[in-house]
């Protein structure tokens, strides 16, 4: 289920160095995950109330969406860590070479 489609374009990296930008993205992701979990619970209730077979339920797909939304936070954290490490390497290289740094 974690299979992603082949990319048809170069990915664009988000600049989330600003704490407010990061908070906006994380809060939106958390809200989406919460909505999907809530929708899954409502779907469980609908299936139960109408005595339908579990195979008619959309709840597993909704929960998978919520889980994917939560996994995106890990992706964001890895990107931010890589960005911090790259900036640190550049600063260290510039300091070793006596280059100016803004």
PDB file of N, CA and C in Angstrom:
ATOM      1  N   UNK A   1       0.813  -1.192   0.000  1.00  0.00           N
ATOM      2  CA  UNK A   1       0.000   0.000   0.000  1.00  0.00           C
ATOM      3  C   UNK A   1       0.860   1.261   0.000  1.00  0.00           C
ATOM      4  N   UNK A   2       2.124   1.143   0.390  1.00  0.00           N
ATOM      5  CA  UNK A   2       3.005   2.302   0.434  1.00  0.00           C
ATOM      6  C   UNK A   2       3.645   2.601  -0.908  1.00  0.00           C
ATOM      7  N   UNK A   3       3.240   1.895  -1.946  1.00  0.00           N
ATOM      8  CA  UNK A   3       3.819   2.105  -3.259  1.00  0.00           C
ATOM      9  C   UNK A   3       3.398   3.463  -3.796  1.00  0.00           C
ATOM     10  N   UNK A   4       4.374   4.241  -4.205  1.00  0.00           N
ATOM     11  CA  UNK A   4       4.103   5.572  -4.735  1.00  0.00           C
ATOM     12  C   UNK A   4       4.221   5.524  -6.249  1.00  0.00           C
ATOM     13  N   UNK A   5       3.422   6.332  -6.950  1.00  0.00           N
ATOM     14  CA  UNK A   5       3.545   6.351  -8.410  1.00  0.00           C
ATOM     15  C   UNK A   5       4.894   6.927  -8.825  1.00  0.00           C
ATOM     16  N   UNK A   6       5.349   6.531  -9.999  1.00  0.00           N
ATOM     17  CA  UNK A   6       6.609   7.065 -10.521  1.00  0.00           C
ATOM     18  C   UNK A   6       6.481   8.572 -10.703  1.00  0.00           C
ATOM     19  N   UNK A   7       7.545   9.272 -10.373  1.00  0.00           N
ATOM     20  CA  UNK A   7       7.517  10.719 -10.499  1.00  0.00           C
ATOM     21  C   UNK A   7       7.681  11.122 -11.955  1.00  0.00           C
ATOM     22  N   UNK A   8       6.884  12.101 -12.357  1.00  0.00           N
ATOM     23  CA  UNK A   8       6.981  12.608 -13.714  1.00  0.00           C
ATOM     24  C   UNK A   8       7.581  14.016 -13.732  1.00  0.00           C
ATOM     25  N   UNK A   9       8.100  14.435 -12.579  1.00  0.00           N
ATOM     26  CA  UNK A   9       8.697  15.758 -12.470  1.00  0.00           C
ATOM     27  C   UNK A   9       9.707  15.744 -11.329  1.00  0.00           C
ATOM     28  N   UNK A  10      10.558  16.764 -11.288  1.00  0.00           N
ATOM     29  CA  UNK A  10      11.512  16.876 -10.195  1.00  0.00           C
ATOM     30  C   UNK A  10      10.781  17.392  -8.959  1.00  0.00           C
ATOM     31  N   UNK A  11      11.034  16.785  -7.804  1.00  0.00           N
ATOM     32  CA  UNK A  11      10.357  17.255  -6.590  1.00  0.00           C
ATOM     33  C   UNK A  11      10.841  18.646  -6.202  1.00  0.00           C
ATOM     34  N   UNK A  12       9.974  19.388  -5.565  1.00  0.00           N
ATOM     35  CA  UNK A  12      10.300  20.712  -5.055  1.00  0.00           C
ATOM     36  C   UNK A  12      10.389  20.600  -3.545  1.00  0.00           C
ATOM     37  N   UNK A  13      11.470  21.084  -2.978  1.00  0.00           N
ATOM     38  CA  UNK A  13      11.633  21.025  -1.539  1.00  0.00           C
ATOM     39  C   UNK A  13      10.976  22.237  -0.895  1.00  0.00           C
ATOM     40  N   UNK A  14      10.284  21.978   0.194  1.00  0.00           N
ATOM     41  CA  UNK A  14       9.657  23.064   0.943  1.00  0.00           C
ATOM     42  C   UNK A  14      10.706  23.759   1.802  1.00  0.00           C
ATOM     43  N   UNK A  15      10.620  25.059   1.889  1.00  0.00           N
ATOM     44  CA  UNK A  15      11.484  25.811   2.793  1.00  0.00           C
ATOM     45  C   UNK A  15      10.704  25.994   4.088  1.00  0.00           C
ATOM     46  N   UNK A  16      10.982  25.132   5.052  1.00  0.00           N
ATOM     47  CA  UNK A  16      10.269  25.185   6.329  1.00  0.00           C
ATOM     48  C   UNK A  16      11.188  25.607   7.464  1.00  0.00           C
ATOM     49  N   UNK A  17      12.227  26.366   7.132  1.00  0.00           N
ATOM     50  CA  UNK A  17      13.147  26.835   8.156  1.00  0.00           C
ATOM     51  C   UNK A  17      12.448  27.790   9.120  1.00  0.00           C
ATOM     52  N   UNK A  18      11.472  28.518   8.630  1.00  0.00           N
ATOM     53  CA  UNK A  18      10.698  29.428   9.479  1.00  0.00           C
ATOM     54  C   UNK A  18       9.742  28.601  10.335  1.00  0.00           C
ATOM     55  N   UNK A  19       9.796  28.789  11.635  1.00  0.00           N
ATOM     56  CA  UNK A  19       8.976  28.006  12.565  1.00  0.00           C
ATOM     57  C   UNK A  19       7.483  28.175  12.294  1.00  0.00           C
ATOM     58  N   UNK A  20       7.060  29.366  11.876  1.00  0.00           N
ATOM     59  CA  UNK A  20       5.641  29.581  11.596  1.00  0.00           C
ATOM     60  C   UNK A  20       5.198  28.800  10.367  1.00  0.00           C
ATOM     61  N   UNK A  21       6.026  28.750   9.337  1.00  0.00           N
ATOM     62  CA  UNK A  21       5.697  27.957   8.142  1.00  0.00           C
ATOM     63  C   UNK A  21       5.590  26.484   8.509  1.00  0.00           C
ATOM     64  N   UNK A  22       6.540  26.035   9.311  1.00  0.00           N
ATOM     65  CA  UNK A  22       6.530  24.638   9.752  1.00  0.00           C
ATOM     66  C   UNK A  22       5.244  24.339  10.529  1.00  0.00           C
ATOM     67  N   UNK A  23       4.877  25.235  11.434  1.00  0.00           N
ATOM     68  CA  UNK A  23       3.671  25.041  12.246  1.00  0.00           C
ATOM     69  C   UNK A  23       2.416  24.971  11.380  1.00  0.00           C
ATOM     70  N   UNK A  24       2.352  25.801  10.358  1.00  0.00           N
ATOM     71  CA  UNK A  24       1.189  25.787   9.462  1.00  0.00           C
ATOM     72  C   UNK A  24       1.068  24.437   8.769  1.00  0.00           C
ATOM     73  N   UNK A  25       2.175  23.945   8.236  1.00  0.00           N
ATOM     74  CA  UNK A  25       2.150  22.666   7.520  1.00  0.00           C
ATOM     75  C   UNK A  25       1.792  21.522   8.469  1.00  0.00           C
ATOM     76  N   UNK A  26       2.411  21.497   9.640  1.00  0.00           N
ATOM     77  CA  UNK A  26       2.155  20.412  10.591  1.00  0.00           C
ATOM     78  C   UNK A  26       0.718  20.468  11.097  1.00  0.00           C
ATOM     79  N   UNK A  27       0.221  21.661  11.404  1.00  0.00           N
ATOM     80  CA  UNK A  27      -1.157  21.769  11.888  1.00  0.00           C
ATOM     81  C   UNK A  27      -2.165  21.361  10.817  1.00  0.00           C
ATOM     82  N   UNK A  28      -1.918  21.729   9.582  1.00  0.00           N
ATOM     83  CA  UNK A  28      -2.808  21.325   8.489  1.00  0.00           C
ATOM     84  C   UNK A  28      -2.782  19.809   8.334  1.00  0.00           C
ATOM     85  N   UNK A  29      -1.610  19.234   8.426  1.00  0.00           N
ATOM     86  CA  UNK A  29      -1.483  17.782   8.329  1.00  0.00           C
ATOM     87  C   UNK A  29      -2.195  17.091   9.481  1.00  0.00           C
ATOM     88  N   UNK A  30      -2.031  17.610  10.689  1.00  0.00           N
ATOM     89  CA  UNK A  30      -2.709  17.036  11.853  1.00  0.00           C
ATOM     90  C   UNK A  30      -4.225  17.138  11.710  1.00  0.00           C
ATOM     91  N   UNK A  31      -4.699  18.271  11.223  1.00  0.00           N
ATOM     92  CA  UNK A  31      -6.142  18.449  11.037  1.00  0.00           C
ATOM     93  C   UNK A  31      -6.671  17.456  10.002  1.00  0.00           C
ATOM     94  N   UNK A  32      -5.953  17.276   8.911  1.00  0.00           N
ATOM     95  CA  UNK A  32      -6.379  16.324   7.876  1.00  0.00           C
ATOM     96  C   UNK A  32      -6.424  14.905   8.437  1.00  0.00           C
ATOM     97  N   UNK A  33      -5.384  14.522   9.158  1.00  0.00           N
ATOM     98  CA  UNK A  33      -5.357  13.181   9.754  1.00  0.00           C
ATOM     99  C   UNK A  33      -6.535  13.001  10.704  1.00  0.00           C
ATOM    100  N   UNK A  34      -6.821  14.012  11.490  1.00  0.00           N
ATOM    101  CA  UNK A  34      -7.962  13.951  12.408  1.00  0.00           C
ATOM    102  C   UNK A  34      -9.286  13.823  11.679  1.00  0.00           C
ATOM    103  N   UNK A  35      -9.428  14.558  10.595  1.00  0.00           N
ATOM    104  CA  UNK A  35     -10.665  14.464   9.800  1.00  0.00           C
ATOM    105  C   UNK A  35     -10.838  13.074   9.217  1.00  0.00           C
ATOM    106  N   UNK A  36      -9.750  12.489   8.738  1.00  0.00           N
ATOM    107  CA  UNK A  36      -9.841  11.150   8.162  1.00  0.00           C
ATOM    108  C   UNK A  36     -10.177  10.112   9.236  1.00  0.00           C
ATOM    109  N   UNK A  37      -9.591  10.241  10.414  1.00  0.00           N
ATOM    110  CA  UNK A  37      -9.916   9.328  11.515  1.00  0.00           C
ATOM    111  C   UNK A  37     -11.384   9.463  11.912  1.00  0.00           C
ATOM    112  N   UNK A  38     -11.859  10.693  11.994  1.00  0.00           N
ATOM    113  CA  UNK A  38     -13.263  10.937  12.345  1.00  0.00           C
ATOM    114  C   UNK A  38     -14.189  10.347  11.275  1.00  0.00           C
ATOM    115  N   UNK A  39     -13.854  10.542  10.026  1.00  0.00           N
ATOM    116  CA  UNK A  39     -14.662   9.992   8.935  1.00  0.00           C
ATOM    117  C   UNK A  39     -14.669   8.465   8.992  1.00  0.00           C
ATOM    118  N   UNK A  40     -13.546   7.871   9.366  1.00  0.00           N
ATOM    119  CA  UNK A  40     -13.481   6.413   9.490  1.00  0.00           C
ATOM    120  C   UNK A  40     -14.385   5.931  10.617  1.00  0.00           C
ATOM    121  N   UNK A  41     -14.388   6.656  11.722  1.00  0.00           N
ATOM    122  CA  UNK A  41     -15.273   6.294  12.834  1.00  0.00           C
ATOM    123  C   UNK A  41     -16.741   6.401  12.419  1.00  0.00           C
ATOM    124  N   UNK A  42     -17.079   7.460  11.691  1.00  0.00           N
ATOM    125  CA  UNK A  42     -18.454   7.606  11.201  1.00  0.00           C
ATOM    126  C   UNK A  42     -18.808   6.475  10.244  1.00  0.00           C
ATOM    127  N   UNK A  43     -17.853   6.076   9.441  1.00  0.00           N
ATOM    128  CA  UNK A  43     -18.066   4.975   8.508  1.00  0.00           C
ATOM    129  C   UNK A  43     -18.294   3.668   9.270  1.00  0.00           C
ATOM    130  N   UNK A  44     -17.515   3.455  10.331  1.00  0.00           N
ATOM    131  CA  UNK A  44     -17.721   2.269  11.175  1.00  0.00           C
ATOM    132  C   UNK A  44     -19.141   2.265  11.745  1.00  0.00           C
ATOM    133  N   UNK A  45     -19.584   3.426  12.219  1.00  0.00           N
ATOM    134  CA  UNK A  45     -20.944   3.541  12.774  1.00  0.00           C
ATOM    135  C   UNK A  45     -21.993   3.247  11.706  1.00  0.00           C
ATOM    136  N   UNK A  46     -21.789   3.760  10.500  1.00  0.00           N
ATOM    137  CA  UNK A  46     -22.747   3.552   9.412  1.00  0.00           C
ATOM    138  C   UNK A  46     -22.849   2.064   9.071  1.00  0.00           C
ATOM    139  N   UNK A  47     -21.701   1.422   8.981  1.00  0.00           N
ATOM    140  CA  UNK A  47     -21.677  -0.004   8.649  1.00  0.00           C
ATOM    141  C   UNK A  47     -22.388  -0.808   9.745  1.00  0.00           C
ATOM    142  N   UNK A  48     -22.093  -0.470  10.989  1.00  0.00           N
ATOM    143  CA  UNK A  48     -22.694  -1.181  12.112  1.00  0.00           C
ATOM    144  C   UNK A  48     -24.203  -0.946  12.175  1.00  0.00           C
ATOM    145  N   UNK A  49     -24.615   0.314  12.073  1.00  0.00           N
ATOM    146  CA  UNK A  49     -26.043   0.668  12.173  1.00  0.00           C
ATOM    147  C   UNK A  49     -26.858  -0.013  11.071  1.00  0.00           C
ATOM    148  N   UNK A  50     -26.310  -0.024   9.865  1.00  0.00           N
ATOM    149  CA  UNK A  50     -27.023  -0.611   8.722  1.00  0.00           C
ATOM    150  C   UNK A  50     -26.774  -2.111   8.566  1.00  0.00           C
ATOM    151  N   UNK A  51     -25.998  -2.670   9.493  1.00  0.00           N
ATOM    152  CA  UNK A  51     -25.675  -4.097   9.479  1.00  0.00           C
ATOM    153  C   UNK A  51     -25.149  -4.547   8.111  1.00  0.00           C
ATOM    154  N   UNK A  52     -24.211  -3.752   7.602  1.00  0.00           N
ATOM    155  CA  UNK A  52     -23.595  -4.055   6.314  1.00  0.00           C
ATOM    156  C   UNK A  52     -22.323  -4.860   6.538  1.00  0.00           C
ATOM    157  N   UNK A  53     -21.899  -5.594   5.539  1.00  0.00           N
ATOM    158  CA  UNK A  53     -20.633  -6.331   5.685  1.00  0.00           C
ATOM    159  C   UNK A  53     -19.443  -5.366   5.735  1.00  0.00           C
ATOM    160  N   UNK A  54     -18.415  -5.784   6.457  1.00  0.00           N
ATOM    161  CA  UNK A  54     -17.217  -4.940   6.574  1.00  0.00           C
ATOM    162  C   UNK A  54     -16.620  -4.602   5.215  1.00  0.00           C
ATOM    163  N   UNK A  55     -16.831  -5.485   4.250  1.00  0.00           N
ATOM    164  CA  UNK A  55     -16.274  -5.244   2.919  1.00  0.00           C
ATOM    165  C   UNK A  55     -16.889  -4.017   2.254  1.00  0.00           C
ATOM    166  N   UNK A  56     -18.043  -3.552   2.734  1.00  0.00           N
ATOM    167  CA  UNK A  56     -18.676  -2.344   2.200  1.00  0.00           C
ATOM    168  C   UNK A  56     -18.105  -1.063   2.817  1.00  0.00           C
ATOM    169  N   UNK A  57     -17.257  -1.229   3.798  1.00  0.00           N
ATOM    170  CA  UNK A  57     -16.752  -0.086   4.546  1.00  0.00           C
ATOM    171  C   UNK A  57     -15.604   0.613   3.828  1.00  0.00           C
ATOM    172  N   UNK A  58     -15.617   1.930   3.900  1.00  0.00           N
ATOM    173  CA  UNK A  58     -14.535   2.759   3.375  1.00  0.00           C
ATOM    174  C   UNK A  58     -13.550   3.133   4.491  1.00  0.00           C
ATOM    175  N   UNK A  59     -13.814   2.657   5.714  1.00  0.00           N
ATOM    176  CA  UNK A  59     -12.992   3.019   6.866  1.00  0.00           C
ATOM    177  C   UNK A  59     -11.521   2.660   6.696  1.00  0.00           C
ATOM    178  N   UNK A  60     -11.176   1.473   6.172  1.00  0.00           N
ATOM    179  CA  UNK A  60      -9.742   1.173   6.022  1.00  0.00           C
ATOM    180  C   UNK A  60      -9.008   2.180   5.130  1.00  0.00           C
ATOM    181  N   UNK A  61      -9.643   2.611   4.046  1.00  0.00           N
ATOM    182  CA  UNK A  61      -9.007   3.595   3.168  1.00  0.00           C
ATOM    183  C   UNK A  61      -8.839   4.923   3.894  1.00  0.00           C
ATOM    184  N   UNK A  62      -9.853   5.328   4.662  1.00  0.00           N
ATOM    185  CA  UNK A  62      -9.784   6.585   5.398  1.00  0.00           C
ATOM    186  C   UNK A  62      -8.680   6.534   6.459  1.00  0.00           C
ATOM    187  N   UNK A  63      -8.562   5.405   7.134  1.00  0.00           N
ATOM    188  CA  UNK A  63      -7.494   5.266   8.140  1.00  0.00           C
ATOM    189  C   UNK A  63      -6.115   5.262   7.479  1.00  0.00           C
ATOM    190  N   UNK A  64      -6.031   4.660   6.306  1.00  0.00           N
ATOM    191  CA  UNK A  64      -4.761   4.672   5.569  1.00  0.00           C
ATOM    192  C   UNK A  64      -4.386   6.097   5.176  1.00  0.00           C
ATOM    193  N   UNK A  65      -5.379   6.900   4.795  1.00  0.00           N
ATOM    194  CA  UNK A  65      -5.123   8.321   4.475  1.00  0.00           C
ATOM    195  C   UNK A  65      -4.597   9.046   5.711  1.00  0.00           C
ATOM    196  N   UNK A  66      -5.207   8.785   6.854  1.00  0.00           N
ATOM    197  CA  UNK A  66      -4.765   9.424   8.094  1.00  0.00           C
ATOM    198  C   UNK A  66      -3.333   9.013   8.426  1.00  0.00           C
ATOM    199  N   UNK A  67      -3.034   7.734   8.253  1.00  0.00           N
ATOM    200  CA  UNK A  67      -1.691   7.245   8.540  1.00  0.00           C
ATOM    201  C   UNK A  67      -0.673   7.873   7.588  1.00  0.00           C
ATOM    202  N   UNK A  68      -1.014   7.995   6.321  1.00  0.00           N
ATOM    203  CA  UNK A  68      -0.105   8.624   5.356  1.00  0.00           C
ATOM    204  C   UNK A  68       0.138  10.082   5.725  1.00  0.00           C
ATOM    205  N   UNK A  69      -0.916  10.769   6.154  1.00  0.00           N
ATOM    206  CA  UNK A  69      -0.755  12.166   6.571  1.00  0.00           C
ATOM    207  C   UNK A  69       0.212  12.263   7.750  1.00  0.00           C
ATOM    208  N   UNK A  70       0.101  11.333   8.696  1.00  0.00           N
ATOM    209  CA  UNK A  70       1.034  11.340   9.831  1.00  0.00           C
ATOM    210  C   UNK A  70       2.456  11.013   9.381  1.00  0.00           C
ATOM    211  N   UNK A  71       2.607  10.149   8.408  1.00  0.00           N
ATOM    212  CA  UNK A  71       3.935   9.780   7.915  1.00  0.00           C
ATOM    213  C   UNK A  71       4.620  10.957   7.221  1.00  0.00           C
ATOM    214  N   UNK A  72       3.835  11.861   6.687  1.00  0.00           N
ATOM    215  CA  UNK A  72       4.408  13.034   6.019  1.00  0.00           C
ATOM    216  C   UNK A  72       5.241  13.857   6.998  1.00  0.00           C
ATOM    217  N   UNK A  73       4.832  13.879   8.265  1.00  0.00           N
ATOM    218  CA  UNK A  73       5.607  14.625   9.262  1.00  0.00           C
ATOM    219  C   UNK A  73       7.032  14.069   9.355  1.00  0.00           C
ATOM    220  N   UNK A  74       7.163  12.748   9.315  1.00  0.00           N
ATOM    221  CA  UNK A  74       8.499  12.143   9.335  1.00  0.00           C
ATOM    222  C   UNK A  74       9.308  12.582   8.120  1.00  0.00           C
ATOM    223  N   UNK A  75       8.651  12.642   6.960  1.00  0.00           N
ATOM    224  CA  UNK A  75       9.331  13.096   5.742  1.00  0.00           C
ATOM    225  C   UNK A  75       9.808  14.537   5.902  1.00  0.00           C
ATOM    226  N   UNK A  76       8.963  15.373   6.465  1.00  0.00           N
ATOM    227  CA  UNK A  76       9.314  16.784   6.684  1.00  0.00           C
ATOM    228  C   UNK A  76      10.490  16.887   7.643  1.00  0.00           C
ATOM    229  N   UNK A  77      10.454  16.118   8.729  1.00  0.00           N
ATOM    230  CA  UNK A  77      11.547  16.152   9.705  1.00  0.00           C
ATOM    231  C   UNK A  77      12.870  15.725   9.075  1.00  0.00           C
ATOM    232  N   UNK A  78      12.844  14.677   8.243  1.00  0.00           N
ATOM    233  CA  UNK A  78      14.072  14.241   7.565  1.00  0.00           C
ATOM    234  C   UNK A  78      14.600  15.339   6.645  1.00  0.00           C
ATOM    235  N   UNK A  79      13.685  16.015   5.934  1.00  0.00           N
ATOM    236  CA  UNK A  79      14.107  17.087   5.042  1.00  0.00           C
ATOM    237  C   UNK A  79      14.732  18.227   5.834  1.00  0.00           C
ATOM    238  N   UNK A  80      14.097  18.609   6.928  1.00  0.00           N
ATOM    239  CA  UNK A  80      14.634  19.700   7.741  1.00  0.00           C
ATOM    240  C   UNK A  80      15.998  19.327   8.327  1.00  0.00           C
ATOM    241  N   UNK A  81      16.150  18.091   8.795  1.00  0.00           N
ATOM    242  CA  UNK A  81      17.438  17.646   9.331  1.00  0.00           C
ATOM    243  C   UNK A  81      18.520  17.696   8.258  1.00  0.00           C
ATOM    244  N   UNK A  82      18.183  17.238   7.056  1.00  0.00           N
ATOM    245  CA  UNK A  82      19.149  17.264   5.951  1.00  0.00           C
ATOM    246  C   UNK A  82      19.517  18.693   5.586  1.00  0.00           C
ATOM    247  N   UNK A  83      18.538  19.575   5.586  1.00  0.00           N
ATOM    248  CA  UNK A  83      18.801  20.980   5.267  1.00  0.00           C
ATOM    249  C   UNK A  83      19.722  21.611   6.321  1.00  0.00           C
ATOM    250  N   UNK A  84      19.446  21.332   7.604  1.00  0.00           N
ATOM    251  CA  UNK A  84      20.290  21.877   8.678  1.00  0.00           C
ATOM    252  C   UNK A  84      21.726  21.359   8.547  1.00  0.00           C
ATOM    253  N   UNK A  85      21.862  20.079   8.270  1.00  0.00           N
ATOM    254  CA  UNK A  85      23.204  19.488   8.126  1.00  0.00           C
ATOM    255  C   UNK A  85      23.942  20.105   6.945  1.00  0.00           C
ATOM    256  N   UNK A  86      23.246  20.322   5.851  1.00  0.00           N
ATOM    257  CA  UNK A  86      23.873  20.921   4.664  1.00  0.00           C
ATOM    258  C   UNK A  86      24.309  22.356   4.954  1.00  0.00           C
ATOM    259  N   UNK A  87      23.452  23.133   5.634  1.00  0.00           N
ATOM    260  CA  UNK A  87      23.830  24.519   5.978  1.00  0.00           C
ATOM    261  C   UNK A  87      25.041  24.527   6.900  1.00  0.00           C
ATOM    262  N   UNK A  88      25.066  23.599   7.849  1.00  0.00           N
ATOM    263  CA  UNK A  88      26.185  23.512   8.790  1.00  0.00           C
ATOM    264  C   UNK A  88      27.480  23.182   8.048  1.00  0.00           C
ATOM    265  N   UNK A  89      27.422  22.235   7.091  1.00  0.00           N
ATOM    266  CA  UNK A  89      28.614  21.883   6.305  1.00  0.00           C
ATOM    267  C   UNK A  89      29.115  23.083   5.511  1.00  0.00           C
ATOM    268  N   UNK A  90      28.202  23.821   4.899  1.00  0.00           N
ATOM    269  CA  UNK A  90      28.596  24.990   4.109  1.00  0.00           C
ATOM    270  C   UNK A  90      29.257  26.017   5.011  1.00  0.00           C
ATOM    271  N   UNK A  91      28.668  26.277   6.185  1.00  0.00           N
ATOM    272  CA  UNK A  91      29.260  27.255   7.112  1.00  0.00           C
ATOM    273  C   UNK A  91      30.650  26.796   7.559  1.00  0.00           C
ATOM    274  N   UNK A  92      30.790  25.514   7.863  1.00  0.00           N
ATOM    275  CA  UNK A  92      32.091  24.991   8.291  1.00  0.00           C
ATOM    276  C   UNK A  92      33.120  25.087   7.173  1.00  0.00           C
ATOM    277  N   UNK A  93      32.721  24.747   5.954  1.00  0.00           N
ATOM    278  CA  UNK A  93      33.625  24.847   4.807  1.00  0.00           C
ATOM    279  C   UNK A  93      34.050  26.293   4.580  1.00  0.00           C
ATOM    280  N   UNK A  94      33.089  27.210   4.680  1.00  0.00           N
ATOM    281  CA  UNK A  94      33.415  28.627   4.487  1.00  0.00           C
ATOM    282  C   UNK A  94      34.358  29.119   5.580  1.00  0.00           C
ATOM    283  N   UNK A  95      34.125  28.682   6.810  1.00  0.00           N
ATOM    284  CA  UNK A  95      34.985  29.100   7.919  1.00  0.00           C
ATOM    285  C   UNK A  95      36.401  28.551   7.730  1.00  0.00           C
ATOM    286  N   UNK A  96      36.507  27.317   7.278  1.00  0.00           N
ATOM    287  CA  UNK A  96      37.827  26.722   7.053  1.00  0.00           C
ATOM    288  C   UNK A  96      38.567  27.405   5.915  1.00  0.00           C
ATOM    289  N   UNK A  97      37.820  27.876   4.920  1.00  0.00           N
ATOM    290  CA  UNK A  97      38.432  28.517   3.765  1.00  0.00           C
ATOM    291  C   UNK A  97      38.527  30.038   3.913  1.00  0.00           C
ATOM    292  N   UNK A  98      38.066  30.561   5.035  1.00  0.00           N
ATOM    293  CA  UNK A  98      38.130  31.987   5.286  1.00  0.00           C
ATOM    294  C   UNK A  98      37.190  32.789   4.420  1.00  0.00           C
ATOM    295  N   UNK A  99      36.129  32.167   3.942  1.00  0.00           N
ATOM    296  CA  UNK A  99      35.148  32.876   3.092  1.00  0.00           C
ATOM    297  C   UNK A  99      34.142  33.595   3.953  1.00  0.00           C
ATOM    298  N   UNK A 100      33.635  34.696   3.423  1.00  0.00           N
ATOM    299  CA  UNK A 100      32.614  35.483   4.123  1.00  0.00           C
ATOM    300  C   UNK A 100      31.297  34.711   4.119  1.00  0.00           C
ATOM    301  N   UNK A 101      30.508  34.909   5.166  1.00  0.00           N
ATOM    302  CA  UNK A 101      29.197  34.245   5.279  1.00  0.00           C
ATOM    303  C   UNK A 101      28.160  35.258   5.701  1.00  0.00           C
ATOM    304  N   UNK A 102      27.062  35.318   4.954  1.00  0.00           N
ATOM    305  CA  UNK A 102      25.978  36.251   5.320  1.00  0.00           C
ATOM    306  C   UNK A 102      25.046  35.613   6.294  1.00  0.00           C
TER     307      UNK A 102
END
